[in-house]
Amino acid sequence: MIDEEWLDRRISRGFDRADLRRILTCDHSEAEAVFEAARRLREEVFGRKAFIRAVVEFDNSCHCNCLYCGMRRENTETVRFKLNADQILSVARRAHENGIRTFFLQSAESDDYGAGWLADVITRIRELGMGVILCVGIHEAGALDLWYEAGARKFILKHETADGELFAKMKPGATLENRLSWLRTLREKGFDIGSGTLLGLPGQTIDSLVSDLVLMKELEVDMSSVALFLPARGTPLQDQPSGDVDLGLRFVAALRLYLGDPLIPATSTFERLREGGQLGCFQAGANVITVNMTPPGLRDDYQLYTDRFYVGLRHARRTIERAGLEETTESDLLG
């Protein structure tokens, strides 16, 4: 049985694959003990604090053809857009005025913009006094140097699944080995790295989810996440069922217990599938929430999934408060 004593022993000695599998498959009463242990560990590392970051999704043209994503190359239902630099800076200023000090630049894997253009955007955001996170897919190694010189220090490149066969099926023309190579290149270039799992993909197993956890441990990620699969119109998976919220929450707790000190976001997919889902993530050990600041007239076209839930600042702050945490900035949280 999973209880406080069992968890304390594993936290002290480390978790093996069987332990992780046991956490992911535990029942409701055991899950409560897991969540409590994850919260306790988070507070030992970070205190009773969490922070808000802002994201702008600035380009939804993609050269990839992932089966699960509404922005896949072959989805003719998606209206493509790209924000210009001034539009992005306007959003960044608004975020800064609202006390947010971490700005998240996200795009599809696009060839529509140059490395120099994005470097200029990064520089201008840094001049506002904000940290910059990039989540823009795989690019030339020289672009990484340029973006680092411009002031970006964090880069998220989600591996989605540690199952190589499932990865190749979900992302035609791509390989897990290449994606992991790029994560290691990012580390070599000096970036803090983030990766994450898409939970609920057709064909995914509990054992492959355990492998996701082990992989993130091996990569020594600074940021780790889990998003729940939600179907997107115009994709081969549009009629598939969504990911399991309860399994997702156990995965969040496993991330905290197994990895210890990464930043873990409460992703919007949890709130989309269950009211209070992001609060559940904080109760399972998360310590970050992202406010979506993509212009309202465009954000529906950034179709990660259909009928997205958009996190607003009031919701984010209320969720942190309900979790019994104090809002802070990323730099304060990390000391």
Protein backbone atom coordinates (compact mmCIF):
# COMPACT_ATOMS: atom_id res chain seq x y z
CA MET A 1 0.00 0.00 0.00
CA ILE A 2 1.18 3.53 -0.79
CA ASP A 3 1.24 5.58 2.40
CA GLU A 4 3.41 8.26 4.00
CA GLU A 5 5.99 5.75 5.24
CA TRP A 6 6.30 4.09 1.80
CA LEU A 7 6.67 7.46 0.10
CA ASP A 8 9.25 8.75 2.59
CA ARG A 9 11.40 5.66 2.04
CA ARG A 10 11.26 6.08 -1.74
CA ILE A 11 11.99 9.81 -1.57
CA SER A 12 15.07 9.04 0.53
CA ARG A 13 16.42 6.15 -1.54
CA GLY A 14 14.99 6.99 -4.97
CA PHE A 15 12.17 5.56 -7.10
CA ASP A 16 12.58 2.66 -9.50
CA ARG A 17 10.34 1.91 -12.49
CA ALA A 18 8.09 -0.36 -10.42
CA ASP A 19 7.59 2.42 -7.85
CA LEU A 20 6.67 4.91 -10.59
CA ARG A 21 4.24 2.46 -12.15
CA ARG A 22 2.65 1.93 -8.75
CA ILE A 23 2.13 5.68 -8.33
CA LEU A 24 0.58 6.06 -11.77
CA THR A 25 -1.85 3.19 -11.16
CA CYS A 26 -2.70 3.86 -7.49
CA ASP A 27 -6.27 4.21 -6.27
CA HIS A 28 -7.95 7.37 -5.03
CA SER A 29 -7.03 7.02 -1.35
CA GLU A 30 -3.41 6.26 -2.18
CA ALA A 31 -3.33 9.19 -4.61
CA GLU A 32 -4.18 11.57 -1.78
CA ALA A 33 -1.07 10.43 0.09
CA VAL A 34 0.97 10.86 -3.10
CA PHE A 35 -0.34 14.41 -3.63
CA GLU A 36 0.38 15.36 -0.03
CA ALA A 37 3.96 14.07 -0.33
CA ALA A 38 4.43 15.97 -3.61
CA ARG A 39 3.20 19.21 -2.02
CA ARG A 40 5.49 18.70 0.97
CA LEU A 41 8.50 18.16 -1.29
CA ARG A 42 7.65 21.21 -3.40
CA GLU A 43 7.47 23.34 -0.27
CA GLU A 44 10.81 21.99 0.98
CA VAL A 45 12.42 23.07 -2.28
CA PHE A 46 10.53 26.27 -3.15
CA GLY A 47 8.49 27.26 -0.11
CA ARG A 48 4.77 27.99 -0.41
CA LYS A 49 5.19 29.99 -3.59
CA ALA A 50 4.23 29.83 -7.27
CA PHE A 51 4.65 32.18 -10.20
CA ILE A 52 2.78 33.26 -13.29
CA ARG A 53 4.30 33.48 -16.75
CA ALA A 54 2.71 34.92 -19.88
CA VAL A 55 2.67 33.25 -23.29
CA VAL A 56 2.15 34.72 -26.72
CA GLU A 57 1.68 32.29 -29.60
CA PHE A 58 3.10 34.26 -32.50
CA ASP A 59 3.14 31.95 -35.53
CA ASN A 60 0.95 28.93 -36.34
CA SER A 61 2.43 27.87 -39.69
CA CYS A 62 4.06 24.47 -39.28
CA HIS A 63 6.20 22.25 -41.47
CA CYS A 64 5.42 19.24 -39.26
CA ASN A 65 2.50 16.90 -39.80
CA CYS A 66 1.85 15.55 -36.29
CA LEU A 67 -1.30 13.44 -36.15
CA TYR A 68 -2.59 15.08 -32.96
CA CYS A 69 -2.08 18.78 -33.71
CA GLY A 70 -4.58 21.09 -35.38
CA MET A 71 -1.74 23.13 -36.86
CA ARG A 72 -0.33 20.15 -38.77
CA ARG A 73 0.83 20.95 -42.27
CA GLU A 74 -2.01 19.09 -43.99
CA ASN A 75 -4.84 20.62 -41.96
CA THR A 76 -6.50 22.96 -44.45
CA GLU A 77 -9.08 24.04 -41.85
CA THR A 78 -6.49 26.08 -39.92
CA VAL A 79 -6.18 29.78 -40.78
CA ARG A 80 -2.49 30.70 -40.60
CA PHE A 81 -1.16 33.83 -38.88
CA LYS A 82 2.05 35.48 -37.74
CA LEU A 83 2.39 38.36 -35.29
CA ASN A 84 4.87 41.11 -36.06
CA ALA A 85 7.49 42.30 -33.58
CA ASP A 86 5.51 45.33 -32.43
CA GLN A 87 2.44 43.19 -31.71
CA ILE A 88 4.54 40.83 -29.59
CA LEU A 89 6.17 43.72 -27.71
CA SER A 90 2.77 45.25 -27.00
CA VAL A 91 1.71 41.99 -25.34
CA ALA A 92 4.97 41.81 -23.39
CA ARG A 93 4.50 45.35 -22.07
CA ARG A 94 0.97 44.50 -20.92
CA ALA A 95 2.27 41.42 -19.13
CA HIS A 96 4.98 43.48 -17.45
CA GLU A 97 2.43 46.10 -16.33
CA ASN A 98 0.51 43.27 -14.64
CA GLY A 99 3.52 42.16 -12.61
CA ILE A 100 4.58 39.24 -14.80
CA ARG A 101 8.32 38.91 -15.26
CA THR A 102 8.63 35.76 -17.40
CA PHE A 103 7.56 35.89 -21.04
CA PHE A 104 7.03 32.74 -23.06
CA LEU A 105 7.46 32.97 -26.85
CA GLN A 106 5.74 30.01 -28.51
CA SER A 107 5.24 29.08 -32.14
CA ALA A 108 4.65 26.10 -34.35
CA GLU A 109 7.75 24.66 -36.03
CA SER A 110 7.75 27.41 -38.62
CA ASP A 111 10.12 28.59 -41.35
CA ASP A 112 8.26 31.91 -41.66
CA TYR A 113 10.65 34.00 -39.58
CA GLY A 114 14.42 34.40 -39.45
CA ALA A 115 16.70 33.83 -36.50
CA GLY A 116 17.74 37.48 -36.53
CA TRP A 117 14.13 38.66 -36.39
CA LEU A 118 13.44 36.54 -33.30
CA ALA A 119 16.74 37.63 -31.72
CA ASP A 120 15.61 41.25 -32.03
CA VAL A 121 12.27 40.41 -30.39
CA ILE A 122 14.10 38.67 -27.53
CA THR A 123 16.40 41.65 -27.03
CA ARG A 124 13.49 44.07 -26.87
CA ILE A 125 11.62 41.92 -24.34
CA ARG A 126 14.74 41.60 -22.19
CA GLU A 127 15.02 45.40 -22.20
CA LEU A 128 11.66 45.45 -20.40
CA GLY A 129 13.23 43.51 -17.54
CA MET A 130 11.62 40.17 -18.39
CA GLY A 131 13.07 36.69 -18.68
CA VAL A 132 12.40 34.90 -21.97
CA ILE A 133 11.43 31.28 -22.56
CA LEU A 134 11.43 29.91 -26.10
CA CYS A 135 9.22 27.09 -27.35
CA VAL A 136 9.71 27.28 -31.11
CA GLY A 137 10.73 23.79 -32.19
CA ILE A 138 13.94 22.66 -33.88
CA HIS A 139 16.08 25.24 -35.69
CA GLU A 140 19.66 25.63 -36.90
CA ALA A 141 22.32 25.42 -34.19
CA GLY A 142 23.50 28.91 -35.16
CA ALA A 143 20.05 30.28 -34.34
CA LEU A 144 20.39 28.95 -30.82
CA ASP A 145 23.63 30.89 -30.37
CA LEU A 146 21.99 34.05 -31.67
CA TRP A 147 19.01 33.70 -29.36
CA TYR A 148 21.22 32.99 -26.37
CA GLU A 149 23.29 36.09 -27.12
CA ALA A 150 20.04 38.09 -27.34
CA GLY A 151 19.18 37.05 -23.79
CA ALA A 152 17.00 33.91 -23.96
CA ARG A 153 18.07 31.42 -21.32
CA LYS A 154 15.31 28.81 -21.28
CA PHE A 155 14.05 26.56 -24.07
CA ILE A 156 11.17 24.08 -24.02
CA LEU A 157 11.19 21.23 -26.54
CA LYS A 158 8.65 18.60 -25.55
CA HIS A 159 9.51 15.02 -26.40
CA GLU A 160 5.77 14.13 -26.22
CA THR A 161 6.42 10.38 -25.71
CA ALA A 162 9.48 8.32 -24.83
CA ASP A 163 8.12 5.41 -26.89
CA GLY A 164 10.15 5.61 -30.11
CA GLU A 165 7.63 3.67 -32.21
CA LEU A 166 4.69 5.73 -30.95
CA PHE A 167 6.67 8.94 -31.52
CA ALA A 168 7.37 8.01 -35.14
CA LYS A 169 3.72 7.16 -35.67
CA MET A 170 2.46 10.41 -34.15
CA LYS A 171 5.09 12.62 -35.83
CA PRO A 172 5.60 11.31 -39.39
CA GLY A 173 9.08 11.96 -40.74
CA ALA A 174 10.57 12.66 -37.30
CA THR A 175 12.42 10.48 -34.83
CA LEU A 176 12.66 10.51 -31.06
CA GLU A 177 16.44 10.19 -31.33
CA ASN A 178 16.69 13.45 -33.26
CA ARG A 179 14.47 15.29 -30.80
CA LEU A 180 16.52 14.09 -27.85
CA SER A 181 19.70 15.09 -29.67
CA TRP A 182 18.34 18.63 -29.95
CA LEU A 183 17.49 18.73 -26.27
CA ARG A 184 21.09 17.81 -25.51
CA THR A 185 22.32 20.44 -27.99
CA LEU A 186 20.23 23.05 -26.18
CA ARG A 187 21.91 22.07 -22.92
CA GLU A 188 25.33 22.31 -24.55
CA LYS A 189 24.45 25.80 -25.80
CA GLY A 190 23.81 26.92 -22.24
CA PHE A 191 20.00 26.84 -22.11
CA ASP A 192 17.94 25.57 -19.22
CA ILE A 193 15.80 22.91 -20.87
CA GLY A 194 12.23 21.81 -20.52
CA SER A 195 10.47 18.77 -21.87
CA GLY A 196 7.14 17.09 -21.39
CA THR A 197 4.63 14.38 -22.11
CA LEU A 198 1.39 14.35 -24.06
CA LEU A 199 -0.72 12.00 -21.95
CA GLY A 200 -3.54 10.07 -23.61
CA LEU A 201 -2.13 9.48 -27.09
CA PRO A 202 -3.73 6.44 -28.75
CA GLY A 203 -1.48 3.45 -28.13
CA GLN A 204 0.26 4.96 -25.11
CA THR A 205 0.75 2.63 -22.14
CA ILE A 206 1.51 3.05 -18.45
CA ASP A 207 4.95 1.61 -19.09
CA SER A 208 5.63 4.24 -21.75
CA LEU A 209 4.56 6.94 -19.26
CA VAL A 210 7.05 5.50 -16.79
CA SER A 211 9.66 5.80 -19.55
CA ASP A 212 8.69 9.47 -19.96
CA LEU A 213 9.54 10.06 -16.30
CA VAL A 214 12.81 8.16 -16.55
CA LEU A 215 13.77 10.08 -19.69
CA MET A 216 13.19 13.46 -18.06
CA LYS A 217 15.30 12.33 -15.11
CA GLU A 218 18.11 11.32 -17.49
CA LEU A 219 17.88 14.66 -19.30
CA GLU A 220 18.06 16.51 -15.96
CA VAL A 221 15.32 18.86 -17.14
CA ASP A 222 14.88 22.23 -15.43
CA MET A 223 11.22 22.38 -16.50
CA SER A 224 8.92 19.37 -16.86
CA SER A 225 5.30 19.19 -17.88
CA VAL A 226 2.37 17.00 -18.81
CA ALA A 227 -0.47 18.03 -21.09
CA LEU A 228 -3.56 15.92 -21.63
CA PHE A 229 -4.33 14.85 -25.18
CA LEU A 230 -7.38 16.63 -26.57
CA PRO A 231 -8.55 16.02 -30.14
CA ALA A 232 -8.29 18.74 -32.78
CA ARG A 233 -10.59 19.10 -35.76
CA GLY A 234 -9.08 18.30 -39.11
CA THR A 235 -6.61 15.75 -37.74
CA PRO A 236 -6.49 11.94 -38.00
CA LEU A 237 -7.12 11.77 -34.24
CA GLN A 238 -10.13 14.10 -34.16
CA ASP A 239 -12.48 11.34 -32.96
CA GLN A 240 -10.19 9.87 -30.31
CA PRO A 241 -11.00 10.19 -26.58
CA SER A 242 -9.25 12.77 -24.41
CA GLY A 243 -6.56 12.00 -21.86
CA ASP A 244 -7.43 10.96 -18.31
CA VAL A 245 -7.38 13.83 -15.79
CA ASP A 246 -6.81 11.63 -12.74
CA LEU A 247 -3.92 9.80 -14.38
CA GLY A 248 -2.56 13.19 -15.40
CA LEU A 249 -2.64 14.44 -11.81
CA ARG A 250 -0.82 11.33 -10.61
CA PHE A 251 1.76 12.02 -13.34
CA VAL A 252 2.23 15.59 -12.06
CA ALA A 253 2.86 14.22 -8.57
CA ALA A 254 5.27 11.62 -9.96
CA LEU A 255 7.19 14.40 -11.72
CA ARG A 256 7.59 16.25 -8.43
CA LEU A 257 8.48 13.21 -6.34
CA TYR A 258 10.84 11.63 -8.86
CA LEU A 259 12.53 14.71 -10.31
CA GLY A 260 12.47 16.88 -7.19
CA ASP A 261 13.18 20.45 -8.21
CA PRO A 262 11.99 21.24 -11.76
CA LEU A 263 9.45 23.92 -12.50
CA ILE A 264 6.15 22.15 -13.19
CA PRO A 265 3.24 24.02 -14.79
CA ALA A 266 -0.45 23.45 -14.23
CA THR A 267 -1.36 23.20 -17.92
CA SER A 268 -4.61 24.48 -19.40
CA THR A 269 -5.66 21.04 -20.65
CA PHE A 270 -6.53 20.04 -17.09
CA GLU A 271 -8.91 23.00 -16.71
CA ARG A 272 -10.39 22.33 -20.15
CA LEU A 273 -11.39 18.81 -19.08
CA ARG A 274 -12.32 19.51 -15.45
CA GLU A 275 -13.25 22.69 -13.63
CA GLY A 276 -10.60 23.11 -10.97
CA GLY A 277 -8.20 20.89 -12.89
CA GLN A 278 -5.34 23.38 -12.62
CA LEU A 279 -5.93 23.70 -8.89
CA GLY A 280 -5.60 19.92 -8.82
CA CYS A 281 -2.20 20.25 -10.49
CA PHE A 282 -1.01 22.63 -7.77
CA GLN A 283 -2.33 20.22 -5.16
CA ALA A 284 -0.24 17.53 -6.88
CA GLY A 285 3.00 19.54 -6.75
CA ALA A 286 2.93 22.05 -9.62
CA ASN A 287 4.30 25.56 -9.07
CA VAL A 288 3.78 27.51 -12.34
CA ILE A 289 0.74 28.67 -14.30
CA THR A 290 0.79 30.30 -17.74
CA VAL A 291 -1.54 33.12 -18.75
CA ASN A 292 -2.46 33.13 -22.44
CA MET A 293 -1.98 36.61 -23.94
CA THR A 294 -2.24 35.75 -27.63
CA PRO A 295 -4.59 38.34 -29.21
CA PRO A 296 -8.18 37.05 -28.84
CA GLY A 297 -8.93 37.43 -32.54
CA LEU A 298 -6.12 35.02 -33.43
CA ARG A 299 -5.69 32.58 -30.58
CA ASP A 300 -8.40 30.16 -31.73
CA ASP A 301 -6.26 29.57 -34.82
CA TYR A 302 -3.39 28.34 -32.66
CA GLN A 303 -5.22 25.05 -32.57
CA LEU A 304 -3.30 22.73 -30.31
CA TYR A 305 -6.71 21.21 -29.70
CA THR A 306 -10.31 22.22 -30.42
CA ASP A 307 -12.20 24.53 -28.05
CA ARG A 308 -9.21 25.50 -25.96
CA PHE A 309 -9.39 26.81 -22.41
CA TYR A 310 -7.58 30.15 -22.19
CA VAL A 311 -6.06 30.97 -18.82
CA GLY A 312 -6.65 34.59 -17.79
CA LEU A 313 -4.77 36.53 -15.14
CA ARG A 314 -7.67 36.59 -12.69
CA HIS A 315 -8.12 32.82 -12.98
CA ALA A 316 -4.38 32.23 -12.55
CA ARG A 317 -4.13 34.38 -9.44
CA ARG A 318 -7.28 32.90 -7.94
CA THR A 319 -5.96 29.37 -8.55
CA ILE A 320 -2.67 30.12 -6.79
CA GLU A 321 -4.59 31.65 -3.88
CA ARG A 322 -6.93 28.66 -3.62
CA ALA A 323 -3.90 26.38 -3.55
CA GLY A 324 -2.69 28.21 -0.45
CA LEU A 325 0.36 29.58 -2.24
CA GLU A 326 1.83 33.06 -2.56
CA GLU A 327 2.37 34.57 -6.00
CA THR A 328 5.96 35.50 -6.69
CA THR A 329 8.27 35.92 -9.68
CA GLU A 330 10.40 33.22 -11.25
CA SER A 331 13.65 34.88 -10.18
CA ASP A 332 12.44 35.09 -6.57
CA LEU A 333 11.23 31.48 -6.61
CA LEU A 334 14.57 30.20 -7.89
CA GLY A 335 16.53 32.41 -5.51
